N, C-alpha and C. Protein backbone atom coordinates (compact mmCIF):
# COMPACT_ATOMS: atom_id res chain seq x y z
N MET A 1 4.12 32.80 13.93
CA MET A 1 4.99 31.84 13.31
C MET A 1 5.83 31.15 14.39
N GLU A 2 6.00 29.86 14.25
CA GLU A 2 6.72 29.11 15.27
C GLU A 2 8.22 29.37 15.20
N ASN A 3 8.85 29.17 16.33
CA ASN A 3 10.29 29.31 16.41
C ASN A 3 10.93 28.03 15.87
N ILE A 4 11.59 28.12 14.73
CA ILE A 4 12.16 26.94 14.09
C ILE A 4 13.34 26.39 14.88
N GLN A 5 14.07 27.24 15.57
CA GLN A 5 15.23 26.80 16.33
C GLN A 5 14.86 26.27 17.71
N GLY A 6 13.58 26.16 18.01
CA GLY A 6 13.14 25.69 19.32
C GLY A 6 13.37 24.21 19.49
N GLU A 7 12.90 23.70 20.60
CA GLU A 7 13.07 22.29 20.94
C GLU A 7 12.23 21.42 20.00
N THR A 8 12.80 20.31 19.57
CA THR A 8 12.06 19.39 18.70
C THR A 8 11.52 18.22 19.51
N ALA A 9 10.41 17.69 19.05
CA ALA A 9 9.78 16.56 19.74
C ALA A 9 10.49 15.27 19.37
N PRO A 10 10.53 14.33 20.29
CA PRO A 10 11.14 13.04 19.96
C PRO A 10 10.31 12.32 18.90
N VAL A 11 10.98 11.58 18.06
CA VAL A 11 10.30 10.83 17.01
C VAL A 11 9.57 9.65 17.63
N MET A 12 8.31 9.46 17.24
CA MET A 12 7.54 8.32 17.73
C MET A 12 7.92 7.09 16.91
N SER A 13 8.13 5.99 17.58
CA SER A 13 8.51 4.76 16.89
C SER A 13 7.29 4.12 16.23
N LEU A 14 7.54 3.17 15.36
CA LEU A 14 6.47 2.43 14.71
C LEU A 14 5.59 1.74 15.74
N LYS A 15 6.22 1.19 16.78
CA LYS A 15 5.48 0.52 17.86
C LYS A 15 4.52 1.49 18.54
N ASP A 16 4.98 2.72 18.81
CA ASP A 16 4.13 3.73 19.44
C ASP A 16 2.92 4.06 18.56
N TRP A 17 3.15 4.17 17.25
CA TRP A 17 2.05 4.49 16.34
C TRP A 17 1.06 3.34 16.25
N VAL A 18 1.55 2.11 16.18
CA VAL A 18 0.65 0.95 16.10
C VAL A 18 -0.21 0.87 17.36
N ILE A 19 0.39 1.06 18.51
CA ILE A 19 -0.37 1.02 19.76
C ILE A 19 -1.39 2.15 19.80
N SER A 20 -1.01 3.33 19.38
CA SER A 20 -1.93 4.47 19.38
C SER A 20 -3.13 4.22 18.47
N VAL A 21 -2.86 3.69 17.27
CA VAL A 21 -3.95 3.42 16.33
C VAL A 21 -4.85 2.31 16.86
N LEU A 22 -4.27 1.26 17.41
CA LEU A 22 -5.09 0.17 17.95
C LEU A 22 -5.97 0.66 19.11
N ILE A 23 -5.43 1.49 19.96
CA ILE A 23 -6.23 2.04 21.07
C ILE A 23 -7.36 2.91 20.52
N SER A 24 -7.08 3.67 19.47
CA SER A 24 -8.12 4.54 18.92
C SER A 24 -9.24 3.76 18.26
N PHE A 25 -9.02 2.48 17.91
CA PHE A 25 -10.06 1.65 17.30
C PHE A 25 -11.07 1.13 18.32
N ILE A 26 -10.74 1.15 19.60
CA ILE A 26 -11.66 0.67 20.63
C ILE A 26 -12.79 1.69 20.76
N PRO A 27 -14.06 1.26 20.61
CA PRO A 27 -15.16 2.22 20.47
C PRO A 27 -15.22 3.39 21.45
N VAL A 28 -15.44 3.20 22.71
CA VAL A 28 -15.59 4.34 23.63
C VAL A 28 -14.24 4.81 24.17
N ILE A 29 -13.41 3.86 24.55
CA ILE A 29 -12.10 4.18 25.11
C ILE A 29 -11.24 4.90 24.09
N GLY A 30 -11.32 4.49 22.83
CA GLY A 30 -10.54 5.12 21.78
C GLY A 30 -10.90 6.58 21.60
N PHE A 31 -12.20 6.89 21.64
CA PHE A 31 -12.64 8.28 21.50
C PHE A 31 -12.15 9.12 22.68
N ILE A 32 -12.25 8.55 23.88
CA ILE A 32 -11.77 9.28 25.06
C ILE A 32 -10.27 9.51 24.98
N MET A 33 -9.53 8.49 24.55
CA MET A 33 -8.08 8.65 24.42
C MET A 33 -7.72 9.67 23.35
N LEU A 34 -8.45 9.73 22.26
CA LEU A 34 -8.20 10.76 21.25
C LEU A 34 -8.38 12.15 21.84
N LEU A 35 -9.40 12.32 22.67
CA LEU A 35 -9.61 13.62 23.33
C LEU A 35 -8.45 13.94 24.27
N VAL A 36 -8.01 12.93 25.04
CA VAL A 36 -6.89 13.14 25.97
C VAL A 36 -5.63 13.50 25.20
N TRP A 37 -5.33 12.73 24.15
CA TRP A 37 -4.12 13.00 23.37
C TRP A 37 -4.19 14.34 22.66
N ALA A 38 -5.37 14.73 22.20
CA ALA A 38 -5.50 15.98 21.45
C ALA A 38 -5.34 17.22 22.32
N PHE A 39 -5.74 17.13 23.58
CA PHE A 39 -5.78 18.33 24.41
C PHE A 39 -4.85 18.29 25.62
N SER A 40 -4.03 17.26 25.74
CA SER A 40 -3.07 17.18 26.84
C SER A 40 -1.79 17.91 26.47
N ASP A 41 -1.23 18.63 27.43
CA ASP A 41 0.02 19.35 27.19
C ASP A 41 1.24 18.43 27.21
N SER A 42 1.11 17.26 27.82
CA SER A 42 2.26 16.37 27.93
C SER A 42 2.38 15.37 26.77
N THR A 43 1.43 15.42 25.83
CA THR A 43 1.44 14.49 24.70
C THR A 43 2.45 14.94 23.65
N ASN A 44 3.10 13.98 23.00
CA ASN A 44 4.01 14.27 21.89
C ASN A 44 3.25 15.09 20.85
N PRO A 45 3.83 16.19 20.36
CA PRO A 45 3.13 17.05 19.39
C PRO A 45 2.68 16.32 18.13
N ASN A 46 3.43 15.31 17.71
CA ASN A 46 3.03 14.54 16.53
C ASN A 46 1.74 13.76 16.80
N LYS A 47 1.67 13.11 17.96
CA LYS A 47 0.47 12.37 18.33
C LYS A 47 -0.69 13.34 18.57
N LYS A 48 -0.38 14.49 19.14
CA LYS A 48 -1.40 15.50 19.41
C LYS A 48 -2.06 15.97 18.11
N ASN A 49 -1.25 16.27 17.10
CA ASN A 49 -1.80 16.70 15.81
C ASN A 49 -2.57 15.58 15.13
N TRP A 50 -2.06 14.35 15.23
CA TRP A 50 -2.77 13.22 14.65
C TRP A 50 -4.13 13.02 15.32
N ALA A 51 -4.17 13.15 16.64
CA ALA A 51 -5.43 12.98 17.37
C ALA A 51 -6.43 14.06 16.99
N LYS A 52 -5.96 15.30 16.86
CA LYS A 52 -6.85 16.39 16.45
C LYS A 52 -7.39 16.15 15.04
N ALA A 53 -6.53 15.72 14.13
CA ALA A 53 -6.97 15.45 12.76
C ALA A 53 -7.97 14.30 12.73
N THR A 54 -7.74 13.27 13.53
CA THR A 54 -8.66 12.14 13.59
C THR A 54 -10.01 12.56 14.14
N LEU A 55 -10.02 13.41 15.16
CA LEU A 55 -11.29 13.91 15.71
C LEU A 55 -12.04 14.75 14.68
N ILE A 56 -11.32 15.56 13.91
CA ILE A 56 -11.96 16.37 12.87
C ILE A 56 -12.59 15.46 11.81
N ILE A 57 -11.87 14.41 11.42
CA ILE A 57 -12.41 13.48 10.42
C ILE A 57 -13.62 12.75 10.98
N PHE A 58 -13.57 12.32 12.24
CA PHE A 58 -14.72 11.67 12.87
C PHE A 58 -15.92 12.61 12.92
N ALA A 59 -15.70 13.85 13.30
CA ALA A 59 -16.80 14.82 13.40
C ALA A 59 -17.41 15.09 12.02
N THR A 60 -16.57 15.21 11.01
CA THR A 60 -17.07 15.44 9.65
C THR A 60 -17.88 14.24 9.18
N GLY A 61 -17.40 13.04 9.43
CA GLY A 61 -18.14 11.84 9.05
C GLY A 61 -19.46 11.73 9.79
N PHE A 62 -19.48 12.09 11.05
CA PHE A 62 -20.71 12.03 11.83
C PHE A 62 -21.74 13.02 11.31
N VAL A 63 -21.31 14.23 10.98
CA VAL A 63 -22.22 15.25 10.44
C VAL A 63 -22.77 14.79 9.09
N LEU A 64 -21.91 14.26 8.23
CA LEU A 64 -22.38 13.75 6.93
C LEU A 64 -23.36 12.59 7.12
N TYR A 65 -23.08 11.72 8.08
CA TYR A 65 -24.00 10.62 8.38
C TYR A 65 -25.38 11.16 8.80
N LEU A 66 -25.40 12.16 9.67
CA LEU A 66 -26.68 12.74 10.09
C LEU A 66 -27.43 13.37 8.94
N VAL A 67 -26.72 14.10 8.08
CA VAL A 67 -27.37 14.75 6.93
C VAL A 67 -28.00 13.69 6.03
N PHE A 68 -27.25 12.65 5.68
CA PHE A 68 -27.80 11.62 4.81
C PHE A 68 -28.91 10.83 5.49
N ALA A 69 -28.81 10.61 6.79
CA ALA A 69 -29.87 9.89 7.51
C ALA A 69 -31.16 10.70 7.51
N PHE A 70 -31.06 12.01 7.71
CA PHE A 70 -32.27 12.84 7.68
C PHE A 70 -32.87 12.90 6.28
N ILE A 71 -32.02 12.97 5.26
CA ILE A 71 -32.52 12.99 3.88
C ILE A 71 -33.21 11.66 3.57
N PHE A 72 -32.56 10.55 3.92
CA PHE A 72 -33.14 9.24 3.67
C PHE A 72 -34.44 9.05 4.45
N PHE A 73 -34.43 9.43 5.73
CA PHE A 73 -35.63 9.28 6.56
C PHE A 73 -36.76 10.13 6.01
N GLY A 74 -36.45 11.36 5.60
CA GLY A 74 -37.47 12.23 5.03
C GLY A 74 -38.02 11.68 3.73
N ALA A 75 -37.17 11.13 2.88
CA ALA A 75 -37.63 10.56 1.62
C ALA A 75 -38.51 9.33 1.87
N MET A 76 -38.13 8.50 2.84
CA MET A 76 -38.93 7.32 3.15
C MET A 76 -40.29 7.71 3.74
N MET A 77 -40.30 8.71 4.58
CA MET A 77 -41.56 9.14 5.19
C MET A 77 -42.49 9.74 4.14
N SER A 78 -41.96 10.54 3.22
CA SER A 78 -42.82 11.16 2.21
C SER A 78 -43.28 10.12 1.19
N ALA A 79 -42.44 9.14 0.85
CA ALA A 79 -42.84 8.10 -0.08
C ALA A 79 -43.85 7.16 0.57
N GLY A 80 -43.65 6.84 1.83
CA GLY A 80 -44.54 5.94 2.54
C GLY A 80 -45.91 6.56 2.78
N ALA A 81 -45.96 7.84 3.06
CA ALA A 81 -47.23 8.51 3.32
C ALA A 81 -48.07 8.57 2.07
N GLY A 82 -47.45 8.82 0.92
CA GLY A 82 -48.19 8.89 -0.34
C GLY A 82 -48.70 7.53 -0.79
N GLY A 83 -47.95 6.50 -0.50
CA GLY A 83 -48.32 5.17 -0.93
C GLY A 83 -49.53 4.62 -0.19
N PHE A 84 -49.72 4.95 1.05
CA PHE A 84 -50.83 4.43 1.82
C PHE A 84 -52.13 5.18 1.54
N ASP A 85 -52.05 6.39 1.04
CA ASP A 85 -53.27 7.15 0.74
C ASP A 85 -54.00 6.57 -0.46
N SER A 86 -53.33 5.89 -1.35
CA SER A 86 -53.97 5.39 -2.56
C SER A 86 -54.69 4.09 -2.33
N MET A 87 -54.61 3.46 -1.15
CA MET A 87 -55.28 2.18 -0.90
C MET A 87 -56.73 2.37 -0.61
C-alpha cells in the first residue's frame, strides 16, 4: 500500500495534456514517446499512468484486430476454395 503522506506529484496543466495527446497521435514517434513516458522514472506519475493505460488499450486493440483478421481471412479462404471447385 502506498504512503498517503508521501510527496505528491505536480498537477499537469491542460496545455501539458494537450501536447502529450497530440504527440501520442503521431504514428511512430507517438508510440515511442508513450513507451518513454510509461517507463521513465522522471515522468510525472499522472502522465506515466496515462501512458501505460494507453499502451494497454493499444495492445488490446491490436490483438483484437489480429483475431478478427485471421477469422475473416480464414472465412474468405474457405469460401473461396469451395466456390472454385464447383466450376
